[in-house]
Amino acid sequence: MENAMHWSLTRIAALAVACAGTLFWLYTFYAIAQLPVGDGSGFQWVAVMPLGAVYFALTFPALMFAAKGDKVPLALGLGCAGLVGFALLWAQLLTEFNS
């Protein structure tokens, strides 16, 4: 049982990165909901799709791997890649939302 619950520094880092990505993804729903209505079409909600793709392709697997303690270096890499993907997408979306 001790081996299954081994909390290495890499595992803690992977969990922290994956949790940060998860919290950011959840925050994006709040941020998008606060945007002005515009033309009333709700088109701003299309931004949820690429953010969700980054979350489910990179961050969620990192969270699951790190939580299980399996493939922890991969989990850390996926989590970091997810944060980079979120940063790039969010920067682009902010320019679109502010125009």
N, C-alpha and C. Protein backbone atom coordinates (compact mmCIF):
# COMPACT_ATOMS: atom_id res chain seq x y z
N MET A 1 0.82 -1.20 0.00
CA MET A 1 0.00 0.00 0.00
C MET A 1 0.86 1.25 0.00
N GLU A 2 2.00 1.19 0.66
CA GLU A 2 2.89 2.34 0.71
C GLU A 2 3.33 2.76 -0.68
N ASN A 3 3.61 1.80 -1.54
CA ASN A 3 4.07 2.11 -2.89
C ASN A 3 2.99 2.82 -3.70
N ALA A 4 1.74 2.46 -3.51
CA ALA A 4 0.65 3.07 -4.27
C ALA A 4 0.39 4.52 -3.84
N MET A 5 0.70 4.85 -2.62
CA MET A 5 0.42 6.19 -2.10
C MET A 5 1.70 7.03 -1.97
N HIS A 6 2.71 6.71 -2.72
CA HIS A 6 3.96 7.45 -2.67
C HIS A 6 3.76 8.83 -3.29
N TRP A 7 4.03 9.86 -2.50
CA TRP A 7 3.84 11.24 -2.96
C TRP A 7 5.18 11.87 -3.24
N SER A 8 5.66 11.70 -4.45
CA SER A 8 6.92 12.31 -4.84
C SER A 8 6.71 13.77 -5.19
N LEU A 9 7.78 14.51 -5.27
CA LEU A 9 7.71 15.92 -5.64
C LEU A 9 7.14 16.07 -7.05
N THR A 10 7.50 15.16 -7.94
CA THR A 10 6.98 15.20 -9.31
C THR A 10 5.47 14.99 -9.33
N ARG A 11 5.00 14.08 -8.51
CA ARG A 11 3.56 13.81 -8.46
C ARG A 11 2.81 15.01 -7.89
N ILE A 12 3.35 15.62 -6.87
CA ILE A 12 2.72 16.81 -6.29
C ILE A 12 2.69 17.94 -7.31
N ALA A 13 3.79 18.11 -8.04
CA ALA A 13 3.84 19.15 -9.07
C ALA A 13 2.82 18.86 -10.17
N ALA A 14 2.73 17.61 -10.60
CA ALA A 14 1.78 17.24 -11.65
C ALA A 14 0.34 17.50 -11.19
N LEU A 15 0.03 17.16 -9.95
CA LEU A 15 -1.30 17.42 -9.42
C LEU A 15 -1.58 18.92 -9.33
N ALA A 16 -0.59 19.69 -8.91
CA ALA A 16 -0.76 21.14 -8.79
C ALA A 16 -1.01 21.77 -10.15
N VAL A 17 -0.24 21.35 -11.15
CA VAL A 17 -0.40 21.90 -12.50
C VAL A 17 -1.76 21.50 -13.07
N ALA A 18 -2.15 20.25 -12.89
CA ALA A 18 -3.44 19.79 -13.41
C ALA A 18 -4.61 20.48 -12.69
N CYS A 19 -4.48 20.68 -11.39
CA CYS A 19 -5.53 21.39 -10.65
C CYS A 19 -5.60 22.85 -11.07
N ALA A 20 -4.46 23.47 -11.31
CA ALA A 20 -4.46 24.86 -11.78
C ALA A 20 -5.15 24.95 -13.14
N GLY A 21 -4.87 24.01 -14.04
CA GLY A 21 -5.53 23.98 -15.34
C GLY A 21 -7.03 23.77 -15.21
N THR A 22 -7.44 22.90 -14.30
CA THR A 22 -8.86 22.65 -14.08
C THR A 22 -9.56 23.89 -13.55
N LEU A 23 -8.94 24.55 -12.59
CA LEU A 23 -9.54 25.78 -12.04
C LEU A 23 -9.61 26.88 -13.09
N PHE A 24 -8.58 26.99 -13.92
CA PHE A 24 -8.63 28.00 -14.97
C PHE A 24 -9.75 27.69 -15.96
N TRP A 25 -9.88 26.41 -16.35
CA TRP A 25 -10.94 26.03 -17.29
C TRP A 25 -12.31 26.38 -16.71
N LEU A 26 -12.51 26.12 -15.44
CA LEU A 26 -13.79 26.46 -14.81
C LEU A 26 -13.98 27.98 -14.76
N TYR A 27 -12.90 28.72 -14.52
CA TYR A 27 -12.98 30.18 -14.50
C TYR A 27 -13.41 30.73 -15.86
N THR A 28 -12.99 30.10 -16.94
CA THR A 28 -13.33 30.63 -18.26
C THR A 28 -14.84 30.68 -18.49
N PHE A 29 -15.58 29.75 -17.89
CA PHE A 29 -17.04 29.79 -18.02
C PHE A 29 -17.58 31.05 -17.36
N TYR A 30 -17.08 31.38 -16.18
CA TYR A 30 -17.51 32.59 -15.50
C TYR A 30 -17.13 33.83 -16.31
N ALA A 31 -15.89 33.86 -16.80
CA ALA A 31 -15.41 35.04 -17.54
C ALA A 31 -16.22 35.25 -18.82
N ILE A 32 -16.53 34.19 -19.52
CA ILE A 32 -17.30 34.31 -20.76
C ILE A 32 -18.73 34.74 -20.44
N ALA A 33 -19.27 34.27 -19.33
CA ALA A 33 -20.64 34.66 -18.96
C ALA A 33 -20.74 36.14 -18.60
N GLN A 34 -19.63 36.76 -18.22
CA GLN A 34 -19.64 38.17 -17.84
C GLN A 34 -19.51 39.11 -19.03
N LEU A 35 -19.28 38.57 -20.22
CA LEU A 35 -19.14 39.43 -21.40
C LEU A 35 -20.48 40.08 -21.74
N PRO A 36 -20.42 41.28 -22.34
CA PRO A 36 -21.67 41.90 -22.77
C PRO A 36 -22.37 41.04 -23.82
N VAL A 37 -23.66 41.16 -23.87
CA VAL A 37 -24.47 40.31 -24.75
C VAL A 37 -24.14 40.53 -26.22
N GLY A 38 -23.79 41.73 -26.61
CA GLY A 38 -23.47 42.00 -28.02
C GLY A 38 -24.73 41.96 -28.86
N ASP A 39 -24.73 41.11 -29.88
CA ASP A 39 -25.89 41.03 -30.77
C ASP A 39 -26.94 40.04 -30.27
N GLY A 40 -26.67 39.41 -29.14
CA GLY A 40 -27.64 38.49 -28.56
C GLY A 40 -27.61 37.09 -29.14
N SER A 41 -26.62 36.80 -29.98
CA SER A 41 -26.55 35.48 -30.62
C SER A 41 -25.93 34.42 -29.72
N GLY A 42 -25.20 34.84 -28.68
CA GLY A 42 -24.51 33.89 -27.82
C GLY A 42 -23.26 33.32 -28.45
N PHE A 43 -22.79 33.96 -29.50
CA PHE A 43 -21.64 33.44 -30.25
C PHE A 43 -20.37 33.40 -29.41
N GLN A 44 -20.31 34.18 -28.33
CA GLN A 44 -19.11 34.17 -27.49
C GLN A 44 -18.91 32.80 -26.82
N TRP A 45 -19.98 32.01 -26.71
CA TRP A 45 -19.87 30.70 -26.08
C TRP A 45 -19.16 29.67 -26.97
N VAL A 46 -18.92 30.01 -28.21
CA VAL A 46 -18.16 29.12 -29.09
C VAL A 46 -16.74 28.93 -28.54
N ALA A 47 -16.26 29.92 -27.81
CA ALA A 47 -14.91 29.85 -27.22
C ALA A 47 -14.77 28.70 -26.24
N VAL A 48 -15.87 28.18 -25.73
CA VAL A 48 -15.81 27.07 -24.80
C VAL A 48 -15.28 25.81 -25.48
N MET A 49 -15.50 25.66 -26.76
CA MET A 49 -15.11 24.43 -27.46
C MET A 49 -13.59 24.22 -27.50
N PRO A 50 -12.78 25.18 -27.97
CA PRO A 50 -11.34 24.91 -27.97
C PRO A 50 -10.76 24.83 -26.56
N LEU A 51 -11.33 25.60 -25.63
CA LEU A 51 -10.86 25.49 -24.24
C LEU A 51 -11.18 24.11 -23.67
N GLY A 52 -12.36 23.60 -23.99
CA GLY A 52 -12.72 22.26 -23.56
C GLY A 52 -11.86 21.19 -24.21
N ALA A 53 -11.48 21.41 -25.46
CA ALA A 53 -10.62 20.45 -26.14
C ALA A 53 -9.25 20.38 -25.47
N VAL A 54 -8.71 21.53 -25.09
CA VAL A 54 -7.43 21.54 -24.37
C VAL A 54 -7.58 20.84 -23.03
N TYR A 55 -8.68 21.13 -22.35
CA TYR A 55 -8.88 20.50 -21.04
C TYR A 55 -8.97 18.98 -21.15
N PHE A 56 -9.82 18.49 -22.04
CA PHE A 56 -10.04 17.04 -22.11
C PHE A 56 -8.92 16.29 -22.82
N ALA A 57 -8.13 16.97 -23.64
CA ALA A 57 -7.02 16.29 -24.31
C ALA A 57 -5.73 16.31 -23.49
N LEU A 58 -5.55 17.35 -22.68
CA LEU A 58 -4.28 17.50 -21.96
C LEU A 58 -4.43 17.52 -20.44
N THR A 59 -5.27 18.39 -19.94
CA THR A 59 -5.34 18.60 -18.50
C THR A 59 -6.03 17.46 -17.77
N PHE A 60 -7.14 17.00 -18.27
CA PHE A 60 -7.87 15.92 -17.59
C PHE A 60 -7.05 14.62 -17.52
N PRO A 61 -6.42 14.19 -18.63
CA PRO A 61 -5.57 13.01 -18.50
C PRO A 61 -4.43 13.21 -17.50
N ALA A 62 -3.86 14.43 -17.47
CA ALA A 62 -2.80 14.72 -16.50
C ALA A 62 -3.33 14.59 -15.08
N LEU A 63 -4.53 15.08 -14.85
CA LEU A 63 -5.13 14.98 -13.52
C LEU A 63 -5.37 13.52 -13.12
N MET A 64 -5.85 12.73 -14.05
CA MET A 64 -6.11 11.32 -13.75
C MET A 64 -4.82 10.53 -13.51
N PHE A 65 -3.82 10.75 -14.37
CA PHE A 65 -2.53 10.07 -14.18
C PHE A 65 -1.90 10.45 -12.86
N ALA A 66 -1.90 11.73 -12.54
CA ALA A 66 -1.26 12.18 -11.30
C ALA A 66 -2.03 11.69 -10.08
N ALA A 67 -3.34 11.67 -10.16
CA ALA A 67 -4.15 11.20 -9.03
C ALA A 67 -3.90 9.72 -8.74
N LYS A 68 -3.74 8.94 -9.81
CA LYS A 68 -3.47 7.52 -9.64
C LYS A 68 -2.01 7.24 -9.31
N GLY A 69 -1.13 8.20 -9.59
CA GLY A 69 0.29 7.98 -9.37
C GLY A 69 0.92 7.18 -10.50
N ASP A 70 0.26 7.15 -11.65
CA ASP A 70 0.71 6.38 -12.80
C ASP A 70 1.23 7.34 -13.86
N LYS A 71 2.36 7.04 -14.46
CA LYS A 71 2.94 7.85 -15.54
C LYS A 71 3.04 9.32 -15.12
N VAL A 72 3.61 9.55 -13.96
CA VAL A 72 3.66 10.89 -13.38
C VAL A 72 4.45 11.88 -14.25
N PRO A 73 5.61 11.51 -14.81
CA PRO A 73 6.30 12.48 -15.68
C PRO A 73 5.46 12.87 -16.90
N LEU A 74 4.74 11.93 -17.46
CA LEU A 74 3.84 12.24 -18.57
C LEU A 74 2.73 13.17 -18.10
N ALA A 75 2.21 12.92 -16.91
CA ALA A 75 1.16 13.78 -16.35
C ALA A 75 1.66 15.21 -16.19
N LEU A 76 2.88 15.36 -15.71
CA LEU A 76 3.45 16.70 -15.56
C LEU A 76 3.61 17.38 -16.91
N GLY A 77 4.08 16.65 -17.90
CA GLY A 77 4.22 17.21 -19.24
C GLY A 77 2.89 17.59 -19.87
N LEU A 78 1.90 16.73 -19.72
CA LEU A 78 0.57 17.03 -20.25
C LEU A 78 -0.04 18.23 -19.56
N GLY A 79 0.12 18.29 -18.25
CA GLY A 79 -0.42 19.42 -17.51
C GLY A 79 0.21 20.74 -17.91
N CYS A 80 1.53 20.74 -18.08
CA CYS A 80 2.23 21.95 -18.51
C CYS A 80 1.82 22.34 -19.93
N ALA A 81 1.69 21.34 -20.80
CA ALA A 81 1.24 21.62 -22.17
C ALA A 81 -0.18 22.19 -22.16
N GLY A 82 -1.02 21.69 -21.27
CA GLY A 82 -2.37 22.22 -21.15
C GLY A 82 -2.37 23.68 -20.71
N LEU A 83 -1.51 24.02 -19.74
CA LEU A 83 -1.44 25.41 -19.30
C LEU A 83 -0.95 26.32 -20.42
N VAL A 84 0.02 25.85 -21.20
CA VAL A 84 0.50 26.64 -22.33
C VAL A 84 -0.62 26.81 -23.36
N GLY A 85 -1.34 25.74 -23.64
CA GLY A 85 -2.47 25.82 -24.58
C GLY A 85 -3.54 26.78 -24.09
N PHE A 86 -3.86 26.72 -22.79
CA PHE A 86 -4.83 27.66 -22.23
C PHE A 86 -4.35 29.10 -22.38
N ALA A 87 -3.07 29.33 -22.09
CA ALA A 87 -2.53 30.69 -22.17
C ALA A 87 -2.61 31.24 -23.60
N LEU A 88 -2.24 30.42 -24.56
CA LEU A 88 -2.28 30.87 -25.95
C LEU A 88 -3.71 31.13 -26.42
N LEU A 89 -4.60 30.21 -26.10
CA LEU A 89 -6.01 30.39 -26.49
C LEU A 89 -6.64 31.59 -25.79
N TRP A 90 -6.39 31.73 -24.51
CA TRP A 90 -7.01 32.80 -23.76
C TRP A 90 -6.50 34.16 -24.23
N ALA A 91 -5.21 34.25 -24.55
CA ALA A 91 -4.67 35.50 -25.08
C ALA A 91 -5.37 35.88 -26.37
N GLN A 92 -5.58 34.92 -27.24
CA GLN A 92 -6.28 35.19 -28.49
C GLN A 92 -7.74 35.56 -28.24
N LEU A 93 -8.38 34.86 -27.34
CA LEU A 93 -9.79 35.15 -27.05
C LEU A 93 -9.96 36.53 -26.43
N LEU A 94 -9.02 36.94 -25.59
CA LEU A 94 -9.12 38.28 -25.00
C LEU A 94 -9.05 39.37 -26.06
N THR A 95 -8.24 39.17 -27.08
CA THR A 95 -8.19 40.16 -28.16
C THR A 95 -9.50 40.17 -28.93
N GLU A 96 -10.11 39.00 -29.09
CA GLU A 96 -11.40 38.92 -29.79
C GLU A 96 -12.52 39.53 -28.96
N PHE A 97 -12.50 39.27 -27.66
CA PHE A 97 -13.56 39.78 -26.80
C PHE A 97 -13.49 41.29 -26.65
N ASN A 98 -12.29 41.86 -26.69
CA ASN A 98 -12.12 43.29 -26.49
C ASN A 98 -12.30 44.10 -27.77
N SER A 99 -12.46 43.45 -28.89
CA SER A 99 -12.61 44.21 -30.13
C SER A 99 -14.06 44.46 -30.47
